[in-house]
Amino acid sequence: MTIAARNRFLRAGLILAAIMMILTGVAAVLVLTGGSLPKTAPGTRALPILDRIPFAPYSSVASTVAIAIFPLFSVITLAYILFGFEKTQTIELTFFAATAFAISLEAFRVLIPLWELWATTAGYAAEASRIAVFGRLFAMLTILAGILFVTGDNAQQTGAGIFILAFFAFTLAKAIPVNSTDVSSNFFVRNGYATAINTFMWVLGILAVAGYLIHGLTRGTPEYVRASVALAFMCAGYVLLLGCDSWIVLGAGALSLTGGTRRFLKSLHALYLWQ
């Protein structure tokens, strides 16, 4: 993928993410002002450990705000990558841009509180959650692929690699069973094989962090070492926001996601500044 093609890809992703940000923002305002949010969790809590933490009570408002944060994060991240690395050939950041766009797909979950789908058996809730599952799988796959592709001369295969990863994530998201009546506390329809899917995502994240760390240590590149630490914080924040259903999780997740992403991009910017 040439720099020009990469920038076109970024602009297209930025436009789509911006549209989702606007629509999700409007939907979130309608949800928050409509007075229809449930007072108690519509299902089991997304992060069961929170039931044992007294200062993390359930809040449907926090869950709704968390959904609106994802496309906003994507727009800011894609804009930074586009303008900060506009003339730099950066394989790992092309994949990371795909990651940032995939994160915006969590916005589709806003349809569940918008239409009060936790109280119905409508298939719309299941399809919204399938899109979110696709985005989660695609995001973690592209994070790992970024460091794997950068180890060789793979610039021309970047586009094909992203397409293959998207196809794999889409196929897996469509194949797993879902029950549209099993809506969790964060407005997400639980899918079958949830433990296996979540473990798979955890493994991808750990491998990505380890990949940047090993690459930095073996190549004597401290920027990649710092990027690995930042990526660990980013992934932790991402996981927290995915399961957000309380204000404390919202704050911790947002800070970790944005702070980790900022440090990750600044580390790679320092690396490519002199190249």
Protein backbone atom coordinates (compact mmCIF):
# COMPACT_ATOMS: atom_id res chain seq x y z
CA MET A 1 0.00 0.00 0.00
CA THR A 2 1.47 3.33 -1.07
CA ILE A 3 1.40 6.42 1.13
CA ALA A 4 -1.26 7.99 -1.10
CA ALA A 5 -3.45 4.88 -0.88
CA ARG A 6 -2.92 4.72 2.87
CA ASN A 7 -4.00 8.34 3.26
CA ARG A 8 -7.13 7.73 1.18
CA PHE A 9 -7.91 4.79 3.44
CA LEU A 10 -7.43 7.01 6.49
CA ARG A 11 -9.65 9.79 5.11
CA ALA A 12 -12.42 7.33 4.30
CA GLY A 13 -12.20 5.80 7.76
CA LEU A 14 -12.16 9.24 9.37
CA ILE A 15 -15.29 10.32 7.48
CA LEU A 16 -17.18 7.15 8.42
CA ALA A 17 -16.08 7.39 12.05
CA ALA A 18 -17.14 11.05 12.15
CA ILE A 19 -20.58 10.15 10.82
CA MET A 20 -20.93 7.45 13.48
CA MET A 21 -19.73 9.90 16.14
CA ILE A 22 -22.42 12.42 15.20
CA LEU A 23 -25.21 9.85 14.96
CA THR A 24 -24.16 8.14 18.17
CA GLY A 25 -23.95 11.48 19.96
CA VAL A 26 -27.48 12.37 18.89
CA ALA A 27 -28.74 8.91 19.87
CA ALA A 28 -27.01 9.11 23.26
CA VAL A 29 -28.61 12.50 23.97
CA LEU A 30 -32.02 11.08 23.09
CA VAL A 31 -31.41 8.11 25.37
CA LEU A 32 -30.19 10.21 28.29
CA THR A 33 -33.04 12.70 28.04
CA GLY A 34 -35.76 10.17 27.29
CA GLY A 35 -36.03 8.81 30.80
CA SER A 36 -36.28 5.22 29.57
CA LEU A 37 -33.00 3.83 30.85
CA PRO A 38 -33.38 0.90 33.26
CA LYS A 39 -32.70 1.60 36.93
CA THR A 40 -31.26 -1.86 37.46
CA ALA A 41 -29.07 -3.93 35.17
CA PRO A 42 -31.21 -5.52 32.42
CA GLY A 43 -29.09 -8.68 32.72
CA THR A 44 -25.96 -9.90 34.44
CA ARG A 45 -23.14 -7.41 34.83
CA ALA A 46 -20.58 -7.34 32.06
CA LEU A 47 -17.77 -7.37 34.66
CA PRO A 48 -19.12 -9.62 37.46
CA ILE A 49 -16.34 -8.58 39.83
CA LEU A 50 -17.99 -5.15 40.14
CA ASP A 51 -20.80 -6.70 42.16
CA ARG A 52 -18.27 -7.18 44.97
CA ILE A 53 -16.98 -3.60 44.81
CA PRO A 54 -19.15 -1.23 46.91
CA PHE A 55 -18.07 1.94 45.10
CA ALA A 56 -18.91 0.63 41.61
CA PRO A 57 -22.72 0.56 41.53
CA TYR A 58 -24.54 -0.06 38.27
CA SER A 59 -25.29 2.99 36.13
CA SER A 60 -27.07 2.70 32.79
CA VAL A 61 -26.07 6.32 32.11
CA ALA A 62 -22.38 5.42 32.37
CA SER A 63 -22.93 2.54 29.95
CA THR A 64 -24.55 4.88 27.43
CA VAL A 65 -21.81 7.49 27.75
CA ALA A 66 -19.16 4.78 27.27
CA ILE A 67 -20.76 3.76 23.97
CA ALA A 68 -20.60 7.37 22.75
CA ILE A 69 -16.90 7.62 23.66
CA PHE A 70 -15.78 4.95 21.18
CA PRO A 71 -16.47 6.80 17.89
CA LEU A 72 -15.13 10.04 19.39
CA PHE A 73 -11.91 8.23 20.27
CA SER A 74 -11.70 6.82 16.73
CA VAL A 75 -12.13 10.23 15.09
CA ILE A 76 -9.41 11.84 17.22
CA THR A 77 -7.01 8.94 16.73
CA LEU A 78 -7.52 8.67 12.97
CA ALA A 79 -7.11 12.44 12.57
CA TYR A 80 -3.83 12.36 14.50
CA ILE A 81 -2.48 9.47 12.43
CA LEU A 82 -3.53 11.12 9.17
CA PHE A 83 -1.98 14.52 9.85
CA GLY A 84 0.89 13.40 12.10
CA PHE A 85 2.17 10.71 9.71
CA GLU A 86 0.82 12.03 6.42
CA LYS A 87 4.12 11.66 4.55
CA THR A 88 5.59 8.74 6.49
CA GLN A 89 5.38 5.10 5.39
CA THR A 90 4.38 3.38 8.63
CA ILE A 91 3.13 -0.17 8.34
CA GLU A 92 2.25 -0.61 12.00
CA LEU A 93 0.29 2.64 12.07
CA THR A 94 -1.70 1.65 8.98
CA PHE A 95 -2.86 -1.40 10.91
CA PHE A 96 -3.40 0.71 14.01
CA ALA A 97 -5.61 3.03 11.98
CA ALA A 98 -7.72 -0.02 11.12
CA THR A 99 -7.82 -0.76 14.85
CA ALA A 100 -9.01 2.75 15.63
CA PHE A 101 -11.77 2.52 13.04
CA ALA A 102 -12.86 -0.92 14.30
CA ILE A 103 -13.25 0.51 17.81
CA SER A 104 -15.84 2.97 16.48
CA LEU A 105 -18.14 0.05 15.57
CA GLU A 106 -19.04 -0.27 19.26
CA ALA A 107 -21.31 2.70 18.53
CA PHE A 108 -23.93 0.31 17.10
CA ARG A 109 -24.69 -0.83 20.66
CA VAL A 110 -26.44 2.50 21.24
CA LEU A 111 -29.40 1.06 19.31
CA ILE A 112 -30.18 -1.18 22.28
CA PRO A 113 -30.90 1.60 24.82
CA LEU A 114 -32.26 3.88 22.07
CA TRP A 115 -35.04 1.42 21.17
CA GLU A 116 -35.24 -0.25 24.61
CA LEU A 117 -34.29 -3.54 23.00
CA TRP A 118 -33.33 -5.12 26.32
CA ALA A 119 -37.07 -5.62 26.92
CA THR A 120 -37.83 -7.25 23.56
CA THR A 121 -36.75 -10.24 21.51
CA ALA A 122 -35.96 -8.16 18.45
CA GLY A 123 -33.12 -9.39 16.28
CA TYR A 124 -31.81 -5.84 15.99
CA ALA A 125 -30.10 -6.16 19.37
CA ALA A 126 -28.33 -9.34 18.27
CA GLU A 127 -27.17 -7.78 15.00
CA ALA A 128 -25.89 -4.65 16.76
CA SER A 129 -23.88 -6.85 19.08
CA ARG A 130 -22.56 -8.96 16.19
CA ILE A 131 -21.17 -5.77 14.64
CA ALA A 132 -19.55 -4.96 17.98
CA VAL A 133 -18.02 -8.46 18.15
CA PHE A 134 -16.66 -8.03 14.64
CA GLY A 135 -15.12 -4.70 15.63
CA ARG A 136 -13.53 -6.20 18.74
CA LEU A 137 -12.02 -9.14 16.90
CA PHE A 138 -10.83 -6.98 14.01
CA ALA A 139 -9.31 -4.43 16.40
CA MET A 140 -7.24 -7.02 18.27
CA LEU A 141 -6.18 -8.81 15.09
CA THR A 142 -4.92 -5.59 13.48
CA ILE A 143 -3.06 -4.55 16.64
CA LEU A 144 -1.10 -7.79 16.50
CA ALA A 145 -0.66 -7.71 12.72
CA GLY A 146 0.90 -4.25 12.94
CA ILE A 147 4.00 -5.51 14.71
CA LEU A 148 4.15 -8.76 12.74
CA PHE A 149 4.11 -7.01 9.37
CA VAL A 150 6.68 -4.40 10.37
CA THR A 151 9.38 -7.07 10.79
CA GLY A 152 9.73 -7.46 7.02
CA ASP A 153 9.28 -5.68 3.71
CA ASN A 154 5.51 -6.04 3.70
CA ALA A 155 4.32 -2.56 2.80
CA GLN A 156 2.64 -3.69 -0.42
CA GLN A 157 0.76 -6.48 1.38
CA THR A 158 -0.76 -4.19 4.01
CA GLY A 159 -4.06 -3.70 2.20
CA ALA A 160 -4.46 -7.41 1.50
CA GLY A 161 -3.58 -8.22 5.11
CA ILE A 162 -6.23 -5.85 6.47
CA PHE A 163 -8.84 -7.32 4.11
CA ILE A 164 -8.03 -10.90 5.17
CA LEU A 165 -8.21 -9.99 8.86
CA ALA A 166 -11.54 -8.21 8.32
CA PHE A 167 -12.93 -11.24 6.48
CA PHE A 168 -11.80 -13.59 9.25
CA ALA A 169 -13.32 -11.38 11.98
CA PHE A 170 -16.57 -11.01 10.01
CA THR A 171 -16.88 -14.75 9.45
CA LEU A 172 -16.27 -15.52 13.12
CA ALA A 173 -18.71 -12.83 14.28
CA LYS A 174 -21.44 -14.21 11.99
CA ALA A 175 -20.77 -17.83 12.96
CA ILE A 176 -21.05 -17.54 16.74
CA PRO A 177 -24.56 -18.03 18.17
CA VAL A 178 -26.32 -15.20 20.01
CA ASN A 179 -29.45 -15.00 22.14
CA SER A 180 -31.23 -11.68 21.59
CA THR A 181 -32.98 -11.98 24.98
CA ASP A 182 -29.72 -12.18 26.93
CA VAL A 183 -28.73 -8.51 27.16
CA SER A 184 -26.02 -7.71 29.69
CA SER A 185 -25.70 -4.66 31.92
CA ASN A 186 -23.74 -2.68 29.31
CA PHE A 187 -26.31 -3.13 26.50
CA PHE A 188 -24.58 -6.01 24.75
CA VAL A 189 -26.16 -9.28 23.68
CA ARG A 190 -24.05 -12.09 25.04
CA ASN A 191 -22.72 -14.46 22.43
CA GLY A 192 -22.10 -18.16 22.64
CA TYR A 193 -18.58 -19.36 23.43
CA ALA A 194 -18.03 -16.05 25.22
CA THR A 195 -15.17 -17.44 27.30
CA ALA A 196 -13.36 -18.75 24.23
CA ILE A 197 -13.84 -15.49 22.29
CA ASN A 198 -12.69 -13.35 25.22
CA THR A 199 -9.67 -15.58 25.81
CA PHE A 200 -8.78 -15.33 22.12
CA MET A 201 -8.90 -11.54 22.33
CA TRP A 202 -6.79 -11.51 25.50
CA VAL A 203 -4.17 -13.71 23.81
CA LEU A 204 -4.05 -11.40 20.79
CA GLY A 205 -3.56 -8.38 23.02
CA ILE A 206 -0.81 -10.01 25.07
CA LEU A 207 0.98 -11.18 21.94
CA ALA A 208 0.80 -7.68 20.47
CA VAL A 209 2.28 -6.10 23.61
CA ALA A 210 4.98 -8.81 23.73
CA GLY A 211 5.68 -8.33 20.03
CA TYR A 212 6.43 -4.62 20.41
CA LEU A 213 8.52 -5.30 23.51
CA ILE A 214 10.58 -8.06 21.88
CA HIS A 215 11.00 -6.03 18.71
CA GLY A 216 12.25 -3.08 20.73
CA LEU A 217 14.68 -5.15 22.80
CA THR A 218 16.10 -7.19 19.92
CA ARG A 219 16.47 -4.19 17.59
CA GLY A 220 17.70 -1.83 20.28
CA THR A 221 14.75 0.51 19.70
CA PRO A 222 13.55 2.06 22.99
CA GLU A 223 10.59 3.68 21.23
CA TYR A 224 9.10 0.24 20.61
CA VAL A 225 9.65 -0.70 24.25
CA ARG A 226 7.77 2.40 25.35
CA ALA A 227 5.11 1.67 22.74
CA SER A 228 4.60 -1.81 24.22
CA VAL A 229 3.94 -0.36 27.69
CA ALA A 230 1.57 2.23 26.24
CA LEU A 231 -0.22 -0.46 24.23
CA ALA A 232 -0.77 -2.48 27.42
CA PHE A 233 -2.51 0.53 29.02
CA MET A 234 -4.52 1.13 25.86
CA CYS A 235 -5.75 -2.48 25.72
CA ALA A 236 -6.60 -2.41 29.44
CA GLY A 237 -8.65 0.76 28.96
CA TYR A 238 -10.37 -0.75 25.93
CA VAL A 239 -11.40 -3.82 27.94
CA LEU A 240 -12.71 -1.67 30.79
CA LEU A 241 -14.81 0.48 28.47
CA LEU A 242 -16.18 -2.59 26.69
CA GLY A 243 -17.57 -3.81 30.00
CA CYS A 244 -18.41 -0.38 31.39
CA ASP A 245 -21.56 -0.15 33.48
CA SER A 246 -20.43 2.16 36.30
CA TRP A 247 -18.86 5.60 36.60
CA ILE A 248 -15.61 4.40 38.13
CA VAL A 249 -15.04 1.97 35.27
CA LEU A 250 -15.90 4.71 32.77
CA GLY A 251 -13.30 7.04 34.24
CA ALA A 252 -10.56 4.43 34.57
CA GLY A 253 -11.23 2.99 31.12
CA ALA A 254 -11.34 6.33 29.34
CA LEU A 255 -8.13 7.55 30.98
CA SER A 256 -6.28 4.32 30.26
CA LEU A 257 -7.49 4.06 26.66
CA THR A 258 -6.76 7.66 25.71
CA GLY A 259 -3.55 7.95 27.72
CA GLY A 260 -2.17 4.66 26.40
CA THR A 261 -3.05 5.54 22.82
CA ARG A 262 -1.48 8.97 23.12
CA ARG A 263 1.77 7.53 24.48
CA PHE A 264 1.76 4.77 21.84
CA LEU A 265 1.43 7.23 18.98
CA LYS A 266 3.96 9.64 20.48
CA SER A 267 6.47 6.80 20.88
CA LEU A 268 6.15 5.84 17.24
CA HIS A 269 6.21 9.49 16.20
CA ALA A 270 9.54 9.88 17.99
CA LEU A 271 10.83 6.80 16.18
CA TYR A 272 9.87 7.99 12.70
CA LEU A 273 10.76 11.64 13.32
CA TRP A 274 14.34 11.04 12.20
CA GLN A 275 13.56 8.62 9.36
